[in-house]
Amino acid sequence: MKAKDLREKSIEELHNSQAELKEQLFKLRFQKATGQIQNPAKIRLVRKDIARLETILAERLREVE
């Protein structure tokens, strides 16, 4: 995900995306623990996407205040 694309989304869409990414991260961690993960680098990418989302959400909340 690109930050530019995320900034075009509404706050509700960002929260939905964040929930989906957190669920995906949970599944990836579970796969890692059981030794079934195909691409271990995917965990890092998902974590970075979550961080991007949280940063943009924080920016939006600061704008509202």
N, C-alpha and C. Protein backbone atom coordinates (compact mmCIF):
# COMPACT_ATOMS: atom_id res chain seq x y z
N MET A 1 0.83 -1.19 0.00
CA MET A 1 0.00 0.00 0.00
C MET A 1 0.87 1.25 0.00
N LYS A 2 0.46 2.18 -0.76
CA LYS A 2 1.17 3.46 -0.82
C LYS A 2 0.45 4.45 0.09
N ALA A 3 1.21 5.33 0.72
CA ALA A 3 0.63 6.34 1.59
C ALA A 3 -0.28 7.27 0.80
N LYS A 4 0.07 7.54 -0.43
CA LYS A 4 -0.74 8.42 -1.27
C LYS A 4 -2.14 7.83 -1.47
N ASP A 5 -2.21 6.53 -1.71
CA ASP A 5 -3.50 5.86 -1.89
C ASP A 5 -4.30 5.86 -0.58
N LEU A 6 -3.61 5.69 0.53
CA LEU A 6 -4.29 5.64 1.82
C LEU A 6 -4.87 7.00 2.20
N ARG A 7 -4.20 8.05 1.82
CA ARG A 7 -4.69 9.39 2.17
C ARG A 7 -5.99 9.74 1.45
N GLU A 8 -6.28 9.04 0.37
CA GLU A 8 -7.51 9.29 -0.39
C GLU A 8 -8.71 8.59 0.24
N LYS A 9 -8.48 7.66 1.14
CA LYS A 9 -9.56 6.89 1.76
C LYS A 9 -10.17 7.65 2.94
N SER A 10 -11.40 7.29 3.27
CA SER A 10 -12.07 7.88 4.43
C SER A 10 -11.55 7.22 5.70
N ILE A 11 -11.87 7.81 6.83
CA ILE A 11 -11.42 7.26 8.11
C ILE A 11 -12.01 5.87 8.33
N GLU A 12 -13.27 5.68 7.96
CA GLU A 12 -13.91 4.38 8.12
C GLU A 12 -13.23 3.31 7.26
N GLU A 13 -12.89 3.67 6.04
CA GLU A 13 -12.19 2.73 5.16
C GLU A 13 -10.81 2.39 5.72
N LEU A 14 -10.15 3.37 6.33
CA LEU A 14 -8.84 3.12 6.93
C LEU A 14 -8.96 2.16 8.11
N HIS A 15 -9.99 2.34 8.92
CA HIS A 15 -10.18 1.44 10.06
C HIS A 15 -10.47 0.02 9.57
N ASN A 16 -11.25 -0.10 8.51
CA ASN A 16 -11.54 -1.43 7.96
C ASN A 16 -10.27 -2.08 7.42
N SER A 17 -9.46 -1.31 6.72
CA SER A 17 -8.20 -1.83 6.18
C SER A 17 -7.27 -2.25 7.31
N GLN A 18 -7.26 -1.46 8.38
CA GLN A 18 -6.41 -1.77 9.52
C GLN A 18 -6.83 -3.10 10.15
N ALA A 19 -8.13 -3.31 10.29
CA ALA A 19 -8.62 -4.55 10.87
C ALA A 19 -8.25 -5.75 9.99
N GLU A 20 -8.38 -5.58 8.69
CA GLU A 20 -8.02 -6.66 7.76
C GLU A 20 -6.53 -6.99 7.84
N LEU A 21 -5.70 -5.95 7.92
CA LEU A 21 -4.25 -6.18 7.99
C LEU A 21 -3.86 -6.85 9.30
N LYS A 22 -4.50 -6.46 10.39
CA LYS A 22 -4.18 -7.08 11.68
C LYS A 22 -4.59 -8.55 11.68
N GLU A 23 -5.70 -8.87 11.03
CA GLU A 23 -6.12 -10.26 10.91
C GLU A 23 -5.13 -11.05 10.05
N GLN A 24 -4.68 -10.42 8.97
CA GLN A 24 -3.70 -11.06 8.09
C GLN A 24 -2.39 -11.31 8.83
N LEU A 25 -1.97 -10.34 9.65
CA LEU A 25 -0.74 -10.49 10.43
C LEU A 25 -0.87 -11.64 11.43
N PHE A 26 -2.04 -11.74 12.05
CA PHE A 26 -2.28 -12.85 12.98
C PHE A 26 -2.13 -14.19 12.28
N LYS A 27 -2.73 -14.31 11.09
CA LYS A 27 -2.65 -15.56 10.33
C LYS A 27 -1.21 -15.88 9.92
N LEU A 28 -0.47 -14.84 9.53
CA LEU A 28 0.92 -15.05 9.14
C LEU A 28 1.77 -15.50 10.33
N ARG A 29 1.53 -14.91 11.49
CA ARG A 29 2.27 -15.32 12.69
C ARG A 29 1.94 -16.76 13.06
N PHE A 30 0.68 -17.11 12.90
CA PHE A 30 0.27 -18.49 13.19
C PHE A 30 0.95 -19.45 12.22
N GLN A 31 1.01 -19.10 10.94
CA GLN A 31 1.69 -19.93 9.95
C GLN A 31 3.17 -20.07 10.28
N LYS A 32 3.77 -18.97 10.75
CA LYS A 32 5.20 -19.02 11.11
C LYS A 32 5.42 -19.97 12.28
N ALA A 33 4.54 -19.91 13.25
CA ALA A 33 4.69 -20.76 14.43
C ALA A 33 4.53 -22.24 14.08
N THR A 34 3.70 -22.53 13.11
CA THR A 34 3.49 -23.93 12.73
C THR A 34 4.41 -24.38 11.62
N GLY A 35 5.23 -23.46 11.10
CA GLY A 35 6.20 -23.81 10.07
C GLY A 35 5.61 -23.91 8.67
N GLN A 36 4.46 -23.32 8.44
CA GLN A 36 3.79 -23.42 7.15
C GLN A 36 3.91 -22.16 6.30
N ILE A 37 4.63 -21.17 6.76
CA ILE A 37 4.67 -19.89 6.05
C ILE A 37 5.49 -20.03 4.75
N GLN A 38 4.95 -19.46 3.68
CA GLN A 38 5.60 -19.52 2.38
C GLN A 38 6.65 -18.41 2.24
N ASN A 39 6.28 -17.20 2.68
CA ASN A 39 7.15 -16.04 2.51
C ASN A 39 7.26 -15.29 3.84
N PRO A 40 8.31 -15.55 4.62
CA PRO A 40 8.46 -14.91 5.92
C PRO A 40 8.58 -13.38 5.84
N ALA A 41 9.03 -12.86 4.71
CA ALA A 41 9.17 -11.40 4.56
C ALA A 41 7.82 -10.72 4.50
N LYS A 42 6.77 -11.47 4.23
CA LYS A 42 5.41 -10.91 4.16
C LYS A 42 5.00 -10.32 5.51
N ILE A 43 5.46 -10.91 6.60
CA ILE A 43 5.14 -10.41 7.94
C ILE A 43 5.64 -8.97 8.08
N ARG A 44 6.85 -8.74 7.65
CA ARG A 44 7.44 -7.40 7.75
C ARG A 44 6.65 -6.40 6.91
N LEU A 45 6.25 -6.78 5.71
CA LEU A 45 5.50 -5.89 4.84
C LEU A 45 4.14 -5.53 5.43
N VAL A 46 3.48 -6.51 6.03
CA VAL A 46 2.17 -6.25 6.63
C VAL A 46 2.33 -5.33 7.84
N ARG A 47 3.37 -5.54 8.63
CA ARG A 47 3.61 -4.66 9.78
C ARG A 47 3.84 -3.22 9.33
N LYS A 48 4.58 -3.04 8.24
CA LYS A 48 4.82 -1.70 7.72
C LYS A 48 3.53 -1.06 7.21
N ASP A 49 2.68 -1.85 6.56
CA ASP A 49 1.40 -1.33 6.09
C ASP A 49 0.52 -0.88 7.26
N ILE A 50 0.53 -1.66 8.33
CA ILE A 50 -0.23 -1.28 9.52
C ILE A 50 0.31 0.03 10.09
N ALA A 51 1.62 0.18 10.14
CA ALA A 51 2.23 1.41 10.65
C ALA A 51 1.84 2.60 9.79
N ARG A 52 1.83 2.42 8.46
CA ARG A 52 1.41 3.50 7.56
C ARG A 52 -0.03 3.92 7.85
N LEU A 53 -0.89 2.93 8.00
CA LEU A 53 -2.29 3.22 8.30
C LEU A 53 -2.44 3.99 9.61
N GLU A 54 -1.74 3.53 10.63
CA GLU A 54 -1.84 4.19 11.93
C GLU A 54 -1.30 5.61 11.88
N THR A 55 -0.27 5.84 11.10
CA THR A 55 0.29 7.18 10.94
C THR A 55 -0.73 8.11 10.28
N ILE A 56 -1.35 7.64 9.23
CA ILE A 56 -2.32 8.46 8.51
C ILE A 56 -3.56 8.70 9.37
N LEU A 57 -3.99 7.69 10.14
CA LEU A 57 -5.11 7.89 11.05
C LEU A 57 -4.77 8.94 12.11
N ALA A 58 -3.56 8.91 12.62
CA ALA A 58 -3.14 9.90 13.61
C ALA A 58 -3.12 11.30 12.99
N GLU A 59 -2.68 11.40 11.75
CA GLU A 59 -2.69 12.70 11.06
C GLU A 59 -4.11 13.23 10.93
N ARG A 60 -5.02 12.35 10.56
CA ARG A 60 -6.42 12.76 10.39
C ARG A 60 -7.01 13.21 11.72
N LEU A 61 -6.71 12.50 12.78
CA LEU A 61 -7.25 12.87 14.09
C LEU A 61 -6.69 14.21 14.56
N ARG A 62 -5.44 14.49 14.24
CA ARG A 62 -4.86 15.80 14.59
C ARG A 62 -5.51 16.91 13.79
N GLU A 63 -5.90 16.65 12.55
CA GLU A 63 -6.55 17.66 11.73
C GLU A 63 -7.92 18.03 12.31
N VAL A 64 -8.61 17.04 12.86
CA VAL A 64 -9.95 17.25 13.40
C VAL A 64 -9.90 18.11 14.66
N GLU A 65 -8.87 17.96 15.45
CA GLU A 65 -8.78 18.69 16.73
C GLU A 65 -8.55 20.15 16.55
